[in-house]
């Protein structure tokens, strides 16, 4: 199993996942356009936590986490430099949230029903193995969520089977059950789940929930 993780993004989601990987024994490098602002984080976490440029982080990681604002995802991918990501697994945590206020708690997306942000990234970097994950829940519940013994469901998708297996193993380590929804096109359905997840928070300041896929016994 890959043990070196590169996390692209200096925000809360990137920090949460980076800390989660460190907690579970991985080496982590966080990358940002301004790596120096991550210095305080590095000092707190010890020798397995390093920082660098976006390109350095993409080169370091055996698996990469793309945890930037959705509207910045394509530029962040360019900053990684394609050769640093070729053949690697990239966990795409991004959501295509538009830069406009929500309407009665409902966020707007800048993508259409016919193409997800994941598919746009995959088209931009066809030799990279993107897997959508951690996009349907807030940062506070991404790592080791506590729902009284019940595991919530993390929906993933991507075109490469081995990469999905690697991501599924990580998701399982982080306390989730995994539901693989197939190829990259499934992100057209997964990404809008962020809209549904955010409605209780935006309307009632309730952010302590996650999705659970229920199945009848003996039925697939």
Protein backbone atom coordinates (compact mmCIF):
# COMPACT_ATOMS: atom_id res chain seq x y z
CA UNK A 1 0.00 0.00 0.00
CA UNK A 2 1.19 3.51 -0.81
CA UNK A 3 2.51 5.31 2.27
CA UNK A 4 3.42 8.74 0.88
CA UNK A 5 0.50 11.13 0.42
CA UNK A 6 0.61 14.50 -1.26
CA UNK A 7 -2.22 16.86 -0.30
CA UNK A 8 -2.84 19.82 -2.61
CA UNK A 9 -4.68 22.60 -0.82
CA UNK A 10 -4.14 24.83 2.20
CA UNK A 11 -7.73 24.97 3.44
CA UNK A 12 -9.67 23.12 6.12
CA UNK A 13 -10.41 20.05 3.98
CA UNK A 14 -6.77 19.61 3.03
CA UNK A 15 -5.65 20.01 6.63
CA UNK A 16 -8.27 17.57 7.92
CA UNK A 17 -7.33 14.86 5.45
CA UNK A 18 -3.60 15.47 5.91
CA UNK A 19 -4.02 15.08 9.67
CA UNK A 20 -6.06 11.94 9.10
CA UNK A 21 -3.34 10.37 7.00
CA UNK A 22 -0.74 11.23 9.62
CA UNK A 23 -2.95 9.73 12.32
CA UNK A 24 -3.14 6.51 10.34
CA UNK A 25 0.62 6.26 9.86
CA UNK A 26 1.26 7.83 6.46
CA UNK A 27 3.90 10.36 5.45
CA UNK A 28 2.29 13.56 4.21
CA UNK A 29 3.41 16.56 2.22
CA UNK A 30 1.02 19.48 1.85
CA UNK A 31 1.38 21.72 -1.17
CA UNK A 32 0.20 25.24 -1.83
CA UNK A 33 1.06 28.18 -4.05
CA UNK A 34 2.30 29.81 -0.83
CA UNK A 35 3.83 26.90 1.06
CA UNK A 36 5.20 29.14 3.80
CA UNK A 37 1.71 29.69 5.19
CA UNK A 38 1.65 25.98 6.05
CA UNK A 39 4.74 26.32 8.24
CA UNK A 40 2.82 26.44 11.53
CA UNK A 41 0.96 23.26 10.60
CA UNK A 42 4.23 21.50 9.82
CA UNK A 43 5.81 22.50 13.11
CA UNK A 44 2.90 21.06 15.09
CA UNK A 45 2.77 17.69 13.32
CA UNK A 46 6.37 16.45 13.45
CA UNK A 47 8.81 14.81 11.03
CA UNK A 48 6.26 12.87 8.95
CA UNK A 49 4.64 16.18 7.94
CA UNK A 50 6.37 18.27 5.27
CA UNK A 51 5.38 21.15 3.01
CA UNK A 52 6.32 22.24 -0.48
CA UNK A 53 5.13 23.72 -3.73
CA UNK A 54 2.20 22.19 -5.60
CA UNK A 55 4.59 20.55 -8.06
CA UNK A 56 6.87 19.24 -5.28
CA UNK A 57 3.86 17.75 -3.51
CA UNK A 58 2.60 16.11 -6.70
CA UNK A 59 6.02 14.58 -7.21
CA UNK A 60 6.32 13.41 -3.58
CA UNK A 61 3.02 11.62 -3.24
CA UNK A 62 2.40 8.05 -4.29
CA UNK A 63 -1.26 9.04 -3.93
CA UNK A 64 -2.37 12.65 -4.33
CA UNK A 65 -5.33 14.37 -2.70
CA UNK A 66 -6.78 17.31 -4.63
CA UNK A 67 -8.50 19.39 -1.95
CA UNK A 68 -8.91 22.86 -3.41
CA UNK A 69 -11.89 25.06 -4.23
CA UNK A 70 -13.72 23.58 -7.20
CA UNK A 71 -13.25 26.67 -9.33
CA UNK A 72 -9.47 26.42 -8.75
CA UNK A 73 -9.17 22.69 -9.43
CA UNK A 74 -8.15 22.88 -13.09
CA UNK A 75 -5.49 25.51 -12.38
CA UNK A 76 -4.20 23.46 -9.44
CA UNK A 77 -3.93 20.44 -11.72
CA UNK A 78 -1.83 22.45 -14.16
CA UNK A 79 0.42 23.60 -11.30
CA UNK A 80 1.08 19.95 -10.40
CA UNK A 81 2.76 19.53 -13.80
CA UNK A 82 1.38 16.51 -15.68
CA UNK A 83 4.54 14.41 -15.53
CA UNK A 84 4.44 14.42 -11.73
CA UNK A 85 1.01 12.79 -11.72
CA UNK A 86 1.21 10.41 -14.65
CA UNK A 87 0.03 6.93 -13.65
CA UNK A 88 -0.75 8.01 -10.08
CA UNK A 89 -4.01 7.90 -8.16
CA UNK A 90 -5.51 11.32 -7.44
CA UNK A 91 -8.30 11.48 -4.88
CA UNK A 92 -10.57 14.25 -6.13
CA UNK A 93 -12.31 15.85 -3.16
CA UNK A 94 -13.46 18.92 -5.08
CA UNK A 95 -17.01 20.07 -5.74
CA UNK A 96 -18.06 22.44 -8.54
CA UNK A 97 -19.72 25.00 -6.28
CA UNK A 98 -20.44 28.26 -8.08
CA UNK A 99 -19.39 31.63 -6.72
CA UNK A 100 -22.91 32.80 -5.95
CA UNK A 101 -24.99 32.78 -2.77
CA UNK A 102 -27.23 29.80 -2.03
CA UNK A 103 -30.94 30.02 -2.84
CA UNK A 104 -32.91 29.03 0.28
CA UNK A 105 -30.04 26.80 1.35
CA UNK A 106 -29.47 25.30 -2.11
CA UNK A 107 -26.00 25.80 -3.58
CA UNK A 108 -25.45 26.36 -7.29
CA UNK A 109 -22.95 24.35 -9.35
CA UNK A 110 -20.96 25.58 -12.34
CA UNK A 111 -21.16 22.21 -14.10
CA UNK A 112 -24.09 20.64 -15.96
CA UNK A 113 -25.91 17.33 -15.55
CA UNK A 114 -23.93 16.03 -18.53
CA UNK A 115 -20.38 16.60 -17.26
CA UNK A 116 -18.89 16.55 -13.77
CA UNK A 117 -15.82 18.38 -12.54
CA UNK A 118 -14.11 15.01 -12.17
CA UNK A 119 -14.66 14.34 -15.87
CA UNK A 120 -13.25 17.75 -16.75
CA UNK A 121 -10.12 16.99 -14.72
CA UNK A 122 -9.83 13.53 -16.28
CA UNK A 123 -10.04 15.03 -19.75
CA UNK A 124 -7.38 17.59 -18.84
CA UNK A 125 -5.01 14.87 -17.57
CA UNK A 126 -5.94 11.57 -19.27
CA UNK A 127 -2.90 9.69 -17.89
CA UNK A 128 -3.91 10.37 -14.29
CA UNK A 129 -6.19 7.99 -12.37
CA UNK A 130 -8.79 10.21 -10.71
CA UNK A 131 -11.09 8.82 -8.02
CA UNK A 132 -13.89 10.93 -6.57
CA UNK A 133 -14.13 10.56 -2.77
CA UNK A 134 -14.75 12.60 0.39
CA UNK A 135 -16.90 15.04 -1.58
CA UNK A 136 -20.29 14.30 -0.02
CA UNK A 137 -19.54 15.26 3.60
CA UNK A 138 -18.01 18.16 5.50
CA UNK A 139 -14.44 18.23 6.75
CA UNK A 140 -15.41 17.67 10.37
CA UNK A 141 -16.69 14.15 9.61
CA UNK A 142 -14.20 12.99 7.00
CA UNK A 143 -11.89 11.10 9.35
CA UNK A 144 -13.14 8.55 11.92
CA UNK A 145 -16.73 9.85 12.13
CA UNK A 146 -18.69 8.77 15.21
CA UNK A 147 -22.27 7.75 14.50
CA UNK A 148 -22.77 5.43 17.45
CA UNK A 149 -21.18 2.40 15.83
CA UNK A 150 -22.80 2.81 12.41
CA UNK A 151 -20.52 3.45 9.47
CA UNK A 152 -21.70 6.09 7.01
CA UNK A 153 -21.39 5.50 3.27
CA UNK A 154 -18.74 7.12 1.10
CA UNK A 155 -19.61 7.15 -2.59
CA UNK A 156 -16.64 6.84 -4.93
CA UNK A 157 -16.14 6.55 -8.68
CA UNK A 158 -13.37 6.57 -11.26
CA UNK A 159 -12.19 4.82 -14.40
CA UNK A 160 -9.27 2.81 -12.96
CA UNK A 161 -10.13 -0.23 -10.88
CA UNK A 162 -6.82 -0.52 -9.03
CA UNK A 163 -6.92 3.14 -8.05
CA UNK A 164 -10.45 2.73 -6.72
CA UNK A 165 -9.31 -0.26 -4.67
CA UNK A 166 -6.50 1.83 -3.16
CA UNK A 167 -8.88 4.67 -2.34
CA UNK A 168 -11.48 2.28 -0.94
CA UNK A 169 -8.85 0.91 1.45
CA UNK A 170 -8.09 4.43 2.68
CA UNK A 171 -11.77 5.30 3.03
CA UNK A 172 -12.22 2.13 5.07
CA UNK A 173 -9.28 3.05 7.30
CA UNK A 174 -10.93 6.41 7.88
CA UNK A 175 -14.07 4.76 9.26
CA UNK A 176 -16.40 4.58 6.25
CA UNK A 177 -18.08 1.89 4.22
CA UNK A 178 -17.51 2.26 0.50
CA UNK A 179 -20.00 2.25 -2.34
CA UNK A 180 -18.27 2.13 -5.73
CA UNK A 181 -20.63 3.68 -8.28
CA UNK A 182 -18.53 2.89 -11.34
CA UNK A 183 -16.74 5.07 -13.87
CA UNK A 184 -16.03 8.79 -13.91
CA UNK A 185 -19.47 9.64 -15.31
CA UNK A 186 -20.98 8.67 -11.93
CA UNK A 187 -19.47 11.86 -10.51
CA UNK A 188 -22.34 13.66 -12.23
CA UNK A 189 -24.51 12.16 -9.49
CA UNK A 190 -22.00 12.17 -6.62
CA UNK A 191 -20.91 15.81 -6.83
CA UNK A 192 -24.45 17.25 -6.40
CA UNK A 193 -24.70 15.37 -3.09
CA UNK A 194 -22.72 18.27 -1.64
CA UNK A 195 -25.79 20.43 -2.31
CA UNK A 196 -28.03 18.02 -0.40
CA UNK A 197 -25.52 17.66 2.45
CA UNK A 198 -25.24 21.44 2.89
CA UNK A 199 -28.97 22.28 3.02
CA UNK A 200 -29.49 21.45 6.75
CA UNK A 201 -26.34 23.40 7.57
CA UNK A 202 -27.21 26.45 5.54
CA UNK A 203 -30.83 26.53 6.74
CA UNK A 204 -30.49 25.36 10.36
CA UNK A 205 -26.73 25.33 11.12
CA UNK A 206 -26.81 21.52 11.34
CA UNK A 207 -23.60 19.99 10.01
CA UNK A 208 -23.34 16.71 11.92
CA UNK A 209 -24.80 14.28 9.38
CA UNK A 210 -23.64 11.93 6.63
CA UNK A 211 -25.26 9.67 4.04
CA UNK A 212 -25.97 5.97 4.55
CA UNK A 213 -26.92 3.57 1.77
CA UNK A 214 -29.29 0.93 3.14
CA UNK A 215 -29.65 -2.48 1.49
CA UNK A 216 -32.16 -5.21 2.18
CA UNK A 217 -30.63 -8.43 3.51
CA UNK A 218 -29.61 -10.83 0.77
CA UNK A 219 -30.28 -8.31 -2.01
CA UNK A 220 -27.74 -6.41 -4.06
